[in-house]
Structure formats: C-alpha cells, structure tokens
Amino acid sequence: PKMEQLLLTALKNASSQNVELMKEAEKTLANFEKEQNFYTALVNVFLNRELDPAARYMAILTVKNGIEKSWRKAQAS
C-alpha cells in the first residue's frame, strides 16, 4: 500500500500548478515506471471513482503516454 499512496500523491502533484511539485512528481513517476505492475496500478487509480479526479486524469494520461512510447520503440525496431 505504501507504493500505491506514493503513486497517488505523485499523480496529484503531477497536475499541480507548483512547478517544483510537478517536476518532483514526474521524477517519481519515471522511477515507478520501472516497477512491474506500474500500468496496472495506474489503470486501477483511473477506475476508482472515489479518488481525486486530477489524479485519475493523470493516471490515464500516463498510461496513454506509456503506450505511445512503447509503440514508438516497436516501430523503430
């Protein structure tokens, strides 16, 4: 659960107007991206309607960006 809470905080901060918080959140999300269940956790955040809408939006946006990045790598091969 600790990773989930850190992920949720990072997602909320990624949509912040505070540039420092946003940059720190982007670093945290980049580190989490290496975790095995990262994208599953993002989808779960998005599907949980009880969570902060900004965090849910950032979660699905991060999934979209991950898919695009993956497809670009595959096309380059």
N, C-alpha and C. Protein backbone atom coordinates (compact mmCIF):
# COMPACT_ATOMS: atom_id res chain seq x y z
N PRO A 1 0.80 -1.22 0.00
CA PRO A 1 0.00 0.00 0.00
C PRO A 1 0.84 1.28 0.00
N LYS A 2 2.07 1.21 0.52
CA LYS A 2 2.87 2.42 0.56
C LYS A 2 3.17 2.93 -0.86
N MET A 3 3.51 2.01 -1.78
CA MET A 3 3.77 2.41 -3.15
C MET A 3 2.51 3.04 -3.76
N GLU A 4 1.35 2.45 -3.46
CA GLU A 4 0.11 2.98 -4.01
C GLU A 4 -0.13 4.41 -3.52
N GLN A 5 0.15 4.67 -2.25
CA GLN A 5 -0.04 6.02 -1.71
C GLN A 5 0.95 6.99 -2.35
N LEU A 6 2.20 6.55 -2.52
CA LEU A 6 3.20 7.40 -3.17
C LEU A 6 2.81 7.68 -4.62
N LEU A 7 2.29 6.67 -5.29
CA LEU A 7 1.85 6.83 -6.67
C LEU A 7 0.70 7.83 -6.75
N LEU A 8 -0.26 7.70 -5.85
CA LEU A 8 -1.40 8.61 -5.85
C LEU A 8 -0.95 10.05 -5.59
N THR A 9 -0.04 10.22 -4.64
CA THR A 9 0.50 11.56 -4.34
C THR A 9 1.23 12.12 -5.56
N ALA A 10 2.03 11.28 -6.21
CA ALA A 10 2.78 11.73 -7.39
C ALA A 10 1.82 12.13 -8.51
N LEU A 11 0.74 11.38 -8.70
CA LEU A 11 -0.24 11.71 -9.74
C LEU A 11 -0.92 13.05 -9.44
N LYS A 12 -1.28 13.26 -8.18
CA LYS A 12 -1.90 14.53 -7.79
C LYS A 12 -0.93 15.68 -8.04
N ASN A 13 0.33 15.49 -7.62
CA ASN A 13 1.32 16.55 -7.76
C ASN A 13 1.70 16.82 -9.21
N ALA A 14 1.58 15.81 -10.06
CA ALA A 14 1.92 15.98 -11.47
C ALA A 14 0.98 16.96 -12.16
N SER A 15 -0.20 17.14 -11.60
CA SER A 15 -1.15 18.08 -12.18
C SER A 15 -1.16 19.41 -11.41
N SER A 16 -0.20 19.59 -10.55
CA SER A 16 -0.12 20.80 -9.72
C SER A 16 0.30 22.02 -10.54
N GLN A 17 -0.08 23.19 -10.06
CA GLN A 17 0.38 24.44 -10.66
C GLN A 17 1.76 24.81 -10.15
N ASN A 18 2.19 24.15 -9.07
CA ASN A 18 3.51 24.38 -8.48
C ASN A 18 4.55 23.60 -9.29
N VAL A 19 5.43 24.32 -9.97
CA VAL A 19 6.40 23.70 -10.87
C VAL A 19 7.32 22.73 -10.12
N GLU A 20 7.73 23.09 -8.92
CA GLU A 20 8.62 22.22 -8.14
C GLU A 20 7.93 20.88 -7.83
N LEU A 21 6.68 20.95 -7.38
CA LEU A 21 5.93 19.73 -7.09
C LEU A 21 5.75 18.90 -8.35
N MET A 22 5.46 19.55 -9.45
CA MET A 22 5.24 18.86 -10.71
C MET A 22 6.51 18.13 -11.18
N LYS A 23 7.65 18.81 -11.10
CA LYS A 23 8.91 18.18 -11.53
C LYS A 23 9.27 16.99 -10.65
N GLU A 24 9.08 17.13 -9.34
CA GLU A 24 9.36 16.03 -8.41
C GLU A 24 8.43 14.85 -8.71
N ALA A 25 7.18 15.15 -9.00
CA ALA A 25 6.21 14.10 -9.31
C ALA A 25 6.60 13.37 -10.59
N GLU A 26 7.07 14.11 -11.58
CA GLU A 26 7.49 13.48 -12.84
C GLU A 26 8.66 12.53 -12.61
N LYS A 27 9.60 12.90 -11.75
CA LYS A 27 10.72 12.02 -11.41
C LYS A 27 10.22 10.76 -10.71
N THR A 28 9.29 10.95 -9.77
CA THR A 28 8.74 9.81 -9.04
C THR A 28 8.03 8.85 -9.98
N LEU A 29 7.24 9.40 -10.88
CA LEU A 29 6.52 8.55 -11.84
C LEU A 29 7.49 7.82 -12.78
N ALA A 30 8.56 8.49 -13.18
CA ALA A 30 9.57 7.85 -14.03
C ALA A 30 10.23 6.69 -13.30
N ASN A 31 10.45 6.84 -12.00
CA ASN A 31 11.03 5.75 -11.21
C ASN A 31 10.03 4.60 -11.06
N PHE A 32 8.77 4.92 -10.82
CA PHE A 32 7.75 3.89 -10.69
C PHE A 32 7.54 3.14 -12.00
N GLU A 33 7.81 3.78 -13.12
CA GLU A 33 7.60 3.16 -14.42
C GLU A 33 8.38 1.85 -14.56
N LYS A 34 9.45 1.71 -13.82
CA LYS A 34 10.27 0.51 -13.86
C LYS A 34 9.65 -0.65 -13.08
N GLU A 35 8.66 -0.34 -12.25
CA GLU A 35 8.01 -1.37 -11.44
C GLU A 35 7.12 -2.25 -12.32
N GLN A 36 7.04 -3.52 -11.97
CA GLN A 36 6.34 -4.49 -12.81
C GLN A 36 4.86 -4.16 -13.01
N ASN A 37 4.17 -3.76 -11.98
CA ASN A 37 2.72 -3.54 -12.07
C ASN A 37 2.34 -2.07 -12.18
N PHE A 38 3.24 -1.25 -12.68
CA PHE A 38 3.02 0.19 -12.75
C PHE A 38 1.76 0.55 -13.54
N TYR A 39 1.63 0.02 -14.72
CA TYR A 39 0.49 0.39 -15.58
C TYR A 39 -0.82 -0.19 -15.04
N THR A 40 -0.76 -1.35 -14.44
CA THR A 40 -1.95 -1.91 -13.79
C THR A 40 -2.39 -1.00 -12.65
N ALA A 41 -1.44 -0.53 -11.87
CA ALA A 41 -1.76 0.38 -10.76
C ALA A 41 -2.37 1.68 -11.29
N LEU A 42 -1.86 2.18 -12.40
CA LEU A 42 -2.41 3.40 -12.99
C LEU A 42 -3.85 3.19 -13.45
N VAL A 43 -4.12 2.08 -14.08
CA VAL A 43 -5.48 1.79 -14.53
C VAL A 43 -6.41 1.67 -13.32
N ASN A 44 -5.94 1.04 -12.26
CA ASN A 44 -6.75 0.91 -11.05
C ASN A 44 -7.06 2.27 -10.44
N VAL A 45 -6.09 3.19 -10.47
CA VAL A 45 -6.35 4.54 -9.98
C VAL A 45 -7.42 5.18 -10.84
N PHE A 46 -7.28 5.07 -12.14
CA PHE A 46 -8.25 5.68 -13.05
C PHE A 46 -9.67 5.14 -12.82
N LEU A 47 -9.78 3.85 -12.59
CA LEU A 47 -11.09 3.23 -12.45
C LEU A 47 -11.75 3.51 -11.10
N ASN A 48 -10.98 3.96 -10.13
CA ASN A 48 -11.53 4.22 -8.79
C ASN A 48 -12.15 5.62 -8.75
N ARG A 49 -13.46 5.68 -8.88
CA ARG A 49 -14.17 6.95 -8.95
C ARG A 49 -14.16 7.72 -7.63
N GLU A 50 -13.69 7.11 -6.55
CA GLU A 50 -13.64 7.78 -5.26
C GLU A 50 -12.38 8.65 -5.12
N LEU A 51 -11.43 8.46 -6.01
CA LEU A 51 -10.17 9.20 -5.92
C LEU A 51 -10.29 10.58 -6.57
N ASP A 52 -9.31 11.40 -6.28
CA ASP A 52 -9.23 12.75 -6.81
C ASP A 52 -9.28 12.73 -8.35
N PRO A 53 -10.19 13.49 -8.95
CA PRO A 53 -10.28 13.50 -10.42
C PRO A 53 -8.97 13.87 -11.12
N ALA A 54 -8.21 14.79 -10.55
CA ALA A 54 -6.93 15.18 -11.18
C ALA A 54 -5.96 14.01 -11.20
N ALA A 55 -5.93 13.24 -10.12
CA ALA A 55 -5.05 12.06 -10.06
C ALA A 55 -5.50 11.01 -11.06
N ARG A 56 -6.82 10.83 -11.19
CA ARG A 56 -7.34 9.86 -12.14
C ARG A 56 -7.00 10.25 -13.57
N TYR A 57 -7.14 11.53 -13.87
CA TYR A 57 -6.81 12.04 -15.20
C TYR A 57 -5.32 11.82 -15.50
N MET A 58 -4.45 12.15 -14.56
CA MET A 58 -3.01 11.97 -14.76
C MET A 58 -2.66 10.49 -14.92
N ALA A 59 -3.39 9.63 -14.21
CA ALA A 59 -3.13 8.19 -14.32
C ALA A 59 -3.38 7.70 -15.74
N ILE A 60 -4.52 8.07 -16.30
CA ILE A 60 -4.84 7.57 -17.65
C ILE A 60 -3.97 8.26 -18.70
N LEU A 61 -3.61 9.50 -18.47
CA LEU A 61 -2.70 10.20 -19.38
C LEU A 61 -1.32 9.53 -19.37
N THR A 62 -0.87 9.10 -18.21
CA THR A 62 0.41 8.41 -18.09
C THR A 62 0.37 7.06 -18.81
N VAL A 63 -0.77 6.37 -18.72
CA VAL A 63 -0.93 5.11 -19.46
C VAL A 63 -0.85 5.37 -20.96
N LYS A 64 -1.56 6.39 -21.43
CA LYS A 64 -1.55 6.74 -22.85
C LYS A 64 -0.13 7.04 -23.32
N ASN A 65 0.60 7.83 -22.55
CA ASN A 65 1.96 8.18 -22.93
C ASN A 65 2.88 6.96 -22.93
N GLY A 66 2.66 6.05 -21.99
CA GLY A 66 3.45 4.81 -21.96
C GLY A 66 3.20 3.94 -23.18
N ILE A 67 1.94 3.88 -23.61
CA ILE A 67 1.60 3.11 -24.82
C ILE A 67 2.27 3.73 -26.04
N GLU A 68 2.18 5.05 -26.16
CA GLU A 68 2.81 5.73 -27.30
C GLU A 68 4.32 5.48 -27.33
N LYS A 69 4.95 5.56 -26.16
CA LYS A 69 6.39 5.35 -26.08
C LYS A 69 6.74 3.92 -26.49
N SER A 70 5.95 2.97 -26.04
CA SER A 70 6.17 1.56 -26.36
C SER A 70 6.02 1.31 -27.85
N TRP A 71 5.00 1.92 -28.47
CA TRP A 71 4.79 1.74 -29.89
C TRP A 71 5.89 2.37 -30.71
N ARG A 72 6.39 3.52 -30.26
CA ARG A 72 7.49 4.16 -30.99
C ARG A 72 8.73 3.27 -30.99
N LYS A 73 9.00 2.64 -29.83
CA LYS A 73 10.15 1.74 -29.74
C LYS A 73 9.97 0.55 -30.67
N ALA A 74 8.75 0.02 -30.71
CA ALA A 74 8.48 -1.15 -31.55
C ALA A 74 8.61 -0.81 -33.03
N GLN A 75 8.17 0.38 -33.42
CA GLN A 75 8.26 0.77 -34.82
C GLN A 75 9.69 1.04 -35.24
N ALA A 76 10.51 1.48 -34.30
CA ALA A 76 11.91 1.78 -34.61
C ALA A 76 12.73 0.50 -34.81
N SER A 77 12.23 -0.60 -34.27
CA SER A 77 12.97 -1.88 -34.38
C SER A 77 12.89 -2.47 -35.77
